[in-house]
Amino acid sequence: MTREEQQNEWSARAEEIVAEAARQSGVAMPPLLADALAQAVRIHWLSQPGVFELVKAYADTERQAGRL
């Protein structure tokens, strides 16, 4: 698989990656934030661990604020 094919495949999975991170963190992501993270995956090649860390931080913030 070429680098371009790998990047296209990664881009196509952006929403799926964000949704899985949210599911594992037990949080419903606000649509604007979920879209921004998916865009970061597509445009800036944000890694899957990076997405999971950012979603976890959001979930922890919501828990700390008593909204989860």
PDB file of N, CA and C in Angstrom:
ATOM      1  N   MET A   1       0.850  -1.167   0.000  1.00  0.00           N
ATOM      2  CA  MET A   1       0.000   0.000   0.000  1.00  0.00           C
ATOM      3  C   MET A   1       0.905   1.242   0.000  1.00  0.00           C
ATOM      4  N   THR A   2       0.605   2.180  -0.855  1.00  0.00           N
ATOM      5  CA  THR A   2       1.407   3.401  -0.927  1.00  0.00           C
ATOM      6  C   THR A   2       1.074   4.326   0.247  1.00  0.00           C
ATOM      7  N   ARG A   3       1.937   5.288   0.468  1.00  0.00           N
ATOM      8  CA  ARG A   3       1.706   6.265   1.544  1.00  0.00           C
ATOM      9  C   ARG A   3       0.400   7.023   1.303  1.00  0.00           C
ATOM     10  N   GLU A   4       0.144   7.376   0.062  1.00  0.00           N
ATOM     11  CA  GLU A   4      -1.099   8.093  -0.267  1.00  0.00           C
ATOM     12  C   GLU A   4      -2.326   7.236   0.036  1.00  0.00           C
ATOM     13  N   GLU A   5      -2.255   5.951  -0.278  1.00  0.00           N
ATOM     14  CA  GLU A   5      -3.374   5.041   0.017  1.00  0.00           C
ATOM     15  C   GLU A   5      -3.574   4.912   1.529  1.00  0.00           C
ATOM     16  N   GLN A   6      -2.474   4.845   2.272  1.00  0.00           N
ATOM     17  CA  GLN A   6      -2.568   4.758   3.728  1.00  0.00           C
ATOM     18  C   GLN A   6      -3.206   6.025   4.297  1.00  0.00           C
ATOM     19  N   GLN A   7      -2.804   7.175   3.777  1.00  0.00           N
ATOM     20  CA  GLN A   7      -3.367   8.435   4.249  1.00  0.00           C
ATOM     21  C   GLN A   7      -4.854   8.532   3.918  1.00  0.00           C
ATOM     22  N   ASN A   8      -5.236   8.084   2.740  1.00  0.00           N
ATOM     23  CA  ASN A   8      -6.656   8.101   2.361  1.00  0.00           C
ATOM     24  C   ASN A   8      -7.465   7.173   3.260  1.00  0.00           C
ATOM     25  N   GLU A   9      -6.920   6.007   3.548  1.00  0.00           N
ATOM     26  CA  GLU A   9      -7.608   5.054   4.431  1.00  0.00           C
ATOM     27  C   GLU A   9      -7.742   5.642   5.837  1.00  0.00           C
ATOM     28  N   TRP A  10      -6.676   6.263   6.332  1.00  0.00           N
ATOM     29  CA  TRP A  10      -6.698   6.887   7.655  1.00  0.00           C
ATOM     30  C   TRP A  10      -7.740   7.996   7.689  1.00  0.00           C
ATOM     31  N   SER A  11      -7.760   8.825   6.656  1.00  0.00           N
ATOM     32  CA  SER A  11      -8.739   9.912   6.562  1.00  0.00           C
ATOM     33  C   SER A  11     -10.169   9.393   6.588  1.00  0.00           C
ATOM     34  N   ALA A  12     -10.406   8.321   5.882  1.00  0.00           N
ATOM     35  CA  ALA A  12     -11.754   7.760   5.789  1.00  0.00           C
ATOM     36  C   ALA A  12     -12.243   7.254   7.143  1.00  0.00           C
ATOM     37  N   ARG A  13     -11.326   6.933   8.045  1.00  0.00           N
ATOM     38  CA  ARG A  13     -11.694   6.393   9.360  1.00  0.00           C
ATOM     39  C   ARG A  13     -11.801   7.459  10.445  1.00  0.00           C
ATOM     40  N   ALA A  14     -11.622   8.728  10.106  1.00  0.00           N
ATOM     41  CA  ALA A  14     -11.541   9.796  11.103  1.00  0.00           C
ATOM     42  C   ALA A  14     -12.739   9.798  12.055  1.00  0.00           C
ATOM     43  N   GLU A  15     -13.943   9.815  11.522  1.00  0.00           N
ATOM     44  CA  GLU A  15     -15.135   9.857  12.376  1.00  0.00           C
ATOM     45  C   GLU A  15     -15.249   8.598  13.227  1.00  0.00           C
ATOM     46  N   GLU A  16     -14.897   7.469  12.650  1.00  0.00           N
ATOM     47  CA  GLU A  16     -14.945   6.198  13.370  1.00  0.00           C
ATOM     48  C   GLU A  16     -13.985   6.214  14.566  1.00  0.00           C
ATOM     49  N   ILE A  17     -12.807   6.763  14.370  1.00  0.00           N
ATOM     50  CA  ILE A  17     -11.811   6.835  15.441  1.00  0.00           C
ATOM     51  C   ILE A  17     -12.313   7.715  16.578  1.00  0.00           C
ATOM     52  N   VAL A  18     -12.856   8.871  16.236  1.00  0.00           N
ATOM     53  CA  VAL A  18     -13.387   9.791  17.251  1.00  0.00           C
ATOM     54  C   VAL A  18     -14.557   9.136  17.996  1.00  0.00           C
ATOM     55  N   ALA A  19     -15.440   8.492  17.274  1.00  0.00           N
ATOM     56  CA  ALA A  19     -16.601   7.846  17.901  1.00  0.00           C
ATOM     57  C   ALA A  19     -16.166   6.732  18.848  1.00  0.00           C
ATOM     58  N   GLU A  20     -15.165   5.947  18.452  1.00  0.00           N
ATOM     59  CA  GLU A  20     -14.684   4.865  19.308  1.00  0.00           C
ATOM     60  C   GLU A  20     -14.024   5.436  20.566  1.00  0.00           C
ATOM     61  N   ALA A  21     -13.273   6.507  20.421  1.00  0.00           N
ATOM     62  CA  ALA A  21     -12.642   7.132  21.580  1.00  0.00           C
ATOM     63  C   ALA A  21     -13.709   7.636  22.553  1.00  0.00           C
ATOM     64  N   ALA A  22     -14.760   8.240  22.025  1.00  0.00           N
ATOM     65  CA  ALA A  22     -15.852   8.735  22.874  1.00  0.00           C
ATOM     66  C   ALA A  22     -16.556   7.577  23.574  1.00  0.00           C
ATOM     67  N   ARG A  23     -16.804   6.511  22.838  1.00  0.00           N
ATOM     68  CA  ARG A  23     -17.465   5.344  23.429  1.00  0.00           C
ATOM     69  C   ARG A  23     -16.633   4.781  24.580  1.00  0.00           C
ATOM     70  N   GLN A  24     -15.337   4.625  24.350  1.00  0.00           N
ATOM     71  CA  GLN A  24     -14.474   4.055  25.380  1.00  0.00           C
ATOM     72  C   GLN A  24     -14.336   4.975  26.597  1.00  0.00           C
ATOM     73  N   SER A  25     -14.467   6.274  26.382  1.00  0.00           N
ATOM     74  CA  SER A  25     -14.383   7.227  27.494  1.00  0.00           C
ATOM     75  C   SER A  25     -15.731   7.468  28.153  1.00  0.00           C
ATOM     76  N   GLY A  26     -16.801   6.910  27.578  1.00  0.00           N
ATOM     77  CA  GLY A  26     -18.131   7.048  28.160  1.00  0.00           C
ATOM     78  C   GLY A  26     -18.674   8.461  28.079  1.00  0.00           C
ATOM     79  N   VAL A  27     -18.419   9.132  26.952  1.00  0.00           N
ATOM     80  CA  VAL A  27     -18.855  10.518  26.804  1.00  0.00           C
ATOM     81  C   VAL A  27     -19.483  10.718  25.425  1.00  0.00           C
ATOM     82  N   ALA A  28     -20.485  11.581  25.378  1.00  0.00           N
ATOM     83  CA  ALA A  28     -21.062  11.995  24.093  1.00  0.00           C
ATOM     84  C   ALA A  28     -20.362  13.292  23.708  1.00  0.00           C
ATOM     85  N   MET A  29     -19.659  13.258  22.614  1.00  0.00           N
ATOM     86  CA  MET A  29     -18.900  14.435  22.177  1.00  0.00           C
ATOM     87  C   MET A  29     -19.830  15.467  21.551  1.00  0.00           C
ATOM     88  N   PRO A  30     -19.644  16.737  21.889  1.00  0.00           N
ATOM     89  CA  PRO A  30     -20.390  17.775  21.180  1.00  0.00           C
ATOM     90  C   PRO A  30     -20.023  17.710  19.692  1.00  0.00           C
ATOM     91  N   PRO A  31     -20.995  17.862  18.807  1.00  0.00           N
ATOM     92  CA  PRO A  31     -20.713  17.723  17.377  1.00  0.00           C
ATOM     93  C   PRO A  31     -19.565  18.598  16.873  1.00  0.00           C
ATOM     94  N   LEU A  32     -19.482  19.832  17.326  1.00  0.00           N
ATOM     95  CA  LEU A  32     -18.400  20.705  16.850  1.00  0.00           C
ATOM     96  C   LEU A  32     -17.031  20.185  17.262  1.00  0.00           C
ATOM     97  N   LEU A  33     -16.911  19.667  18.467  1.00  0.00           N
ATOM     98  CA  LEU A  33     -15.641  19.112  18.928  1.00  0.00           C
ATOM     99  C   LEU A  33     -15.311  17.824  18.192  1.00  0.00           C
ATOM    100  N   ALA A  34     -16.294  16.961  18.023  1.00  0.00           N
ATOM    101  CA  ALA A  34     -16.069  15.713  17.284  1.00  0.00           C
ATOM    102  C   ALA A  34     -15.631  16.012  15.851  1.00  0.00           C
ATOM    103  N   ASP A  35     -16.276  16.988  15.222  1.00  0.00           N
ATOM    104  CA  ASP A  35     -15.890  17.367  13.858  1.00  0.00           C
ATOM    105  C   ASP A  35     -14.471  17.919  13.813  1.00  0.00           C
ATOM    106  N   ALA A  36     -14.110  18.730  14.791  1.00  0.00           N
ATOM    107  CA  ALA A  36     -12.764  19.301  14.828  1.00  0.00           C
ATOM    108  C   ALA A  36     -11.705  18.222  14.998  1.00  0.00           C
ATOM    109  N   LEU A  37     -11.977  17.240  15.846  1.00  0.00           N
ATOM    110  CA  LEU A  37     -11.025  16.134  16.014  1.00  0.00           C
ATOM    111  C   LEU A  37     -10.909  15.308  14.746  1.00  0.00           C
ATOM    112  N   ALA A  38     -12.028  15.021  14.103  1.00  0.00           N
ATOM    113  CA  ALA A  38     -11.991  14.270  12.849  1.00  0.00           C
ATOM    114  C   ALA A  38     -11.209  15.050  11.792  1.00  0.00           C
ATOM    115  N   GLN A  39     -11.394  16.347  11.762  1.00  0.00           N
ATOM    116  CA  GLN A  39     -10.664  17.193  10.818  1.00  0.00           C
ATOM    117  C   GLN A  39      -9.164  17.141  11.115  1.00  0.00           C
ATOM    118  N   ALA A  40      -8.787  17.120  12.379  1.00  0.00           N
ATOM    119  CA  ALA A  40      -7.374  17.024  12.753  1.00  0.00           C
ATOM    120  C   ALA A  40      -6.774  15.697  12.302  1.00  0.00           C
ATOM    121  N   VAL A  41      -7.561  14.638  12.352  1.00  0.00           N
ATOM    122  CA  VAL A  41      -7.097  13.338  11.854  1.00  0.00           C
ATOM    123  C   VAL A  41      -6.871  13.423  10.347  1.00  0.00           C
ATOM    124  N   ARG A  42      -7.846  13.992   9.645  1.00  0.00           N
ATOM    125  CA  ARG A  42      -7.763  14.050   8.182  1.00  0.00           C
ATOM    126  C   ARG A  42      -6.669  14.989   7.677  1.00  0.00           C
ATOM    127  N   ILE A  43      -6.579  16.158   8.247  1.00  0.00           N
ATOM    128  CA  ILE A  43      -5.684  17.189   7.711  1.00  0.00           C
ATOM    129  C   ILE A  43      -4.277  17.122   8.313  1.00  0.00           C
ATOM    130  N   HIS A  44      -4.211  16.884   9.624  1.00  0.00           N
ATOM    131  CA  HIS A  44      -2.920  16.952  10.315  1.00  0.00           C
ATOM    132  C   HIS A  44      -2.397  15.580  10.725  1.00  0.00           C
ATOM    133  N   TRP A  45      -3.102  14.529  10.350  1.00  0.00           N
ATOM    134  CA  TRP A  45      -2.722  13.144  10.644  1.00  0.00           C
ATOM    135  C   TRP A  45      -2.586  12.897  12.140  1.00  0.00           C
ATOM    136  N   LEU A  46      -3.494  13.512  12.925  1.00  0.00           N
ATOM    137  CA  LEU A  46      -3.512  13.255  14.365  1.00  0.00           C
ATOM    138  C   LEU A  46      -3.630  11.749  14.577  1.00  0.00           C
ATOM    139  N   SER A  47      -2.782  11.217  15.422  1.00  0.00           N
ATOM    140  CA  SER A  47      -2.754   9.770  15.633  1.00  0.00           C
ATOM    141  C   SER A  47      -3.960   9.294  16.443  1.00  0.00           C
ATOM    142  N   GLN A  48      -4.223   8.001  16.365  1.00  0.00           N
ATOM    143  CA  GLN A  48      -5.308   7.417  17.147  1.00  0.00           C
ATOM    144  C   GLN A  48      -5.056   7.611  18.639  1.00  0.00           C
ATOM    145  N   PRO A  49      -3.833   7.361  19.146  1.00  0.00           N
ATOM    146  CA  PRO A  49      -3.600   7.632  20.566  1.00  0.00           C
ATOM    147  C   PRO A  49      -3.816   9.105  20.912  1.00  0.00           C
ATOM    148  N   GLY A  50      -3.487  10.003  19.992  1.00  0.00           N
ATOM    149  CA  GLY A  50      -3.719  11.428  20.223  1.00  0.00           C
ATOM    150  C   GLY A  50      -5.193  11.741  20.362  1.00  0.00           C
ATOM    151  N   VAL A  51      -6.019  11.147  19.501  1.00  0.00           N
ATOM    152  CA  VAL A  51      -7.466  11.340  19.569  1.00  0.00           C
ATOM    153  C   VAL A  51      -7.988  10.813  20.905  1.00  0.00           C
ATOM    154  N   PHE A  52      -7.555   9.628  21.278  1.00  0.00           N
ATOM    155  CA  PHE A  52      -8.032   9.018  22.517  1.00  0.00           C
ATOM    156  C   PHE A  52      -7.642   9.864  23.734  1.00  0.00           C
ATOM    157  N   GLU A  53      -6.443  10.429  23.733  1.00  0.00           N
ATOM    158  CA  GLU A  53      -6.016  11.280  24.848  1.00  0.00           C
ATOM    159  C   GLU A  53      -6.850  12.547  24.930  1.00  0.00           C
ATOM    160  N   LEU A  54      -7.124  13.179  23.805  1.00  0.00           N
ATOM    161  CA  LEU A  54      -7.923  14.400  23.804  1.00  0.00           C
ATOM    162  C   LEU A  54      -9.362  14.132  24.243  1.00  0.00           C
ATOM    163  N   VAL A  55      -9.932  13.042  23.780  1.00  0.00           N
ATOM    164  CA  VAL A  55     -11.299  12.697  24.177  1.00  0.00           C
ATOM    165  C   VAL A  55     -11.336  12.351  25.666  1.00  0.00           C
ATOM    166  N   LYS A  56     -10.327  11.638  26.137  1.00  0.00           N
ATOM    167  CA  LYS A  56     -10.262  11.312  27.569  1.00  0.00           C
ATOM    168  C   LYS A  56     -10.173  12.592  28.397  1.00  0.00           C
ATOM    169  N   ALA A  57      -9.375  13.544  27.957  1.00  0.00           N
ATOM    170  CA  ALA A  57      -9.255  14.815  28.677  1.00  0.00           C
ATOM    171  C   ALA A  57     -10.596  15.540  28.711  1.00  0.00           C
ATOM    172  N   TYR A  58     -11.322  15.526  27.592  1.00  0.00           N
ATOM    173  CA  TYR A  58     -12.656  16.142  27.556  1.00  0.00           C
ATOM    174  C   TYR A  58     -13.585  15.430  28.537  1.00  0.00           C
ATOM    175  N   ALA A  59     -13.583  14.100  28.517  1.00  0.00           N
ATOM    176  CA  ALA A  59     -14.451  13.330  29.417  1.00  0.00           C
ATOM    177  C   ALA A  59     -14.094  13.610  30.878  1.00  0.00           C
ATOM    178  N   ASP A  60     -12.800  13.655  31.187  1.00  0.00           N
ATOM    179  CA  ASP A  60     -12.374  13.934  32.561  1.00  0.00           C
ATOM    180  C   ASP A  60     -12.830  15.321  33.002  1.00  0.00           C
ATOM    181  N   THR A  61     -12.763  16.287  32.098  1.00  0.00           N
ATOM    182  CA  THR A  61     -13.220  17.648  32.392  1.00  0.00           C
ATOM    183  C   THR A  61     -14.714  17.665  32.687  1.00  0.00           C
ATOM    184  N   GLU A  62     -15.473  16.945  31.877  1.00  0.00           N
ATOM    185  CA  GLU A  62     -16.926  16.865  32.087  1.00  0.00           C
ATOM    186  C   GLU A  62     -17.250  16.177  33.417  1.00  0.00           C
ATOM    187  N   ARG A  63     -16.497  15.140  33.753  1.00  0.00           N
ATOM    188  CA  ARG A  63     -16.713  14.446  35.030  1.00  0.00           C
ATOM    189  C   ARG A  63     -16.386  15.389  36.202  1.00  0.00           C
ATOM    190  N   GLN A  64     -15.271  16.085  36.097  1.00  0.00           N
ATOM    191  CA  GLN A  64     -14.856  16.992  37.148  1.00  0.00           C
ATOM    192  C   GLN A  64     -15.880  18.113  37.363  1.00  0.00           C
ATOM    193  N   ALA A  65     -16.511  18.541  36.275  1.00  0.00           N
ATOM    194  CA  ALA A  65     -17.523  19.589  36.368  1.00  0.00           C
ATOM    195  C   ALA A  65     -18.880  19.045  36.806  1.00  0.00           C
ATOM    196  N   GLY A  66     -18.980  17.709  36.974  1.00  0.00           N
ATOM    197  CA  GLY A  66     -20.214  17.099  37.427  1.00  0.00           C
ATOM    198  C   GLY A  66     -21.264  16.913  36.342  1.00  0.00           C
ATOM    199  N   ARG A  67     -20.849  17.000  35.088  1.00  0.00           N
ATOM    200  CA  ARG A  67     -21.809  16.832  33.995  1.00  0.00           C
ATOM    201  C   ARG A  67     -21.871  15.399  33.479  1.00  0.00           C
ATOM    202  N   LEU A  68     -21.000  14.542  33.981  1.00  0.00           N
ATOM    203  CA  LEU A  68     -21.041  13.117  33.615  1.00  0.00           C
ATOM    204  C   LEU A  68     -21.134  12.272  34.861  1.00  0.00           C
TER     205      LEU A  68
END
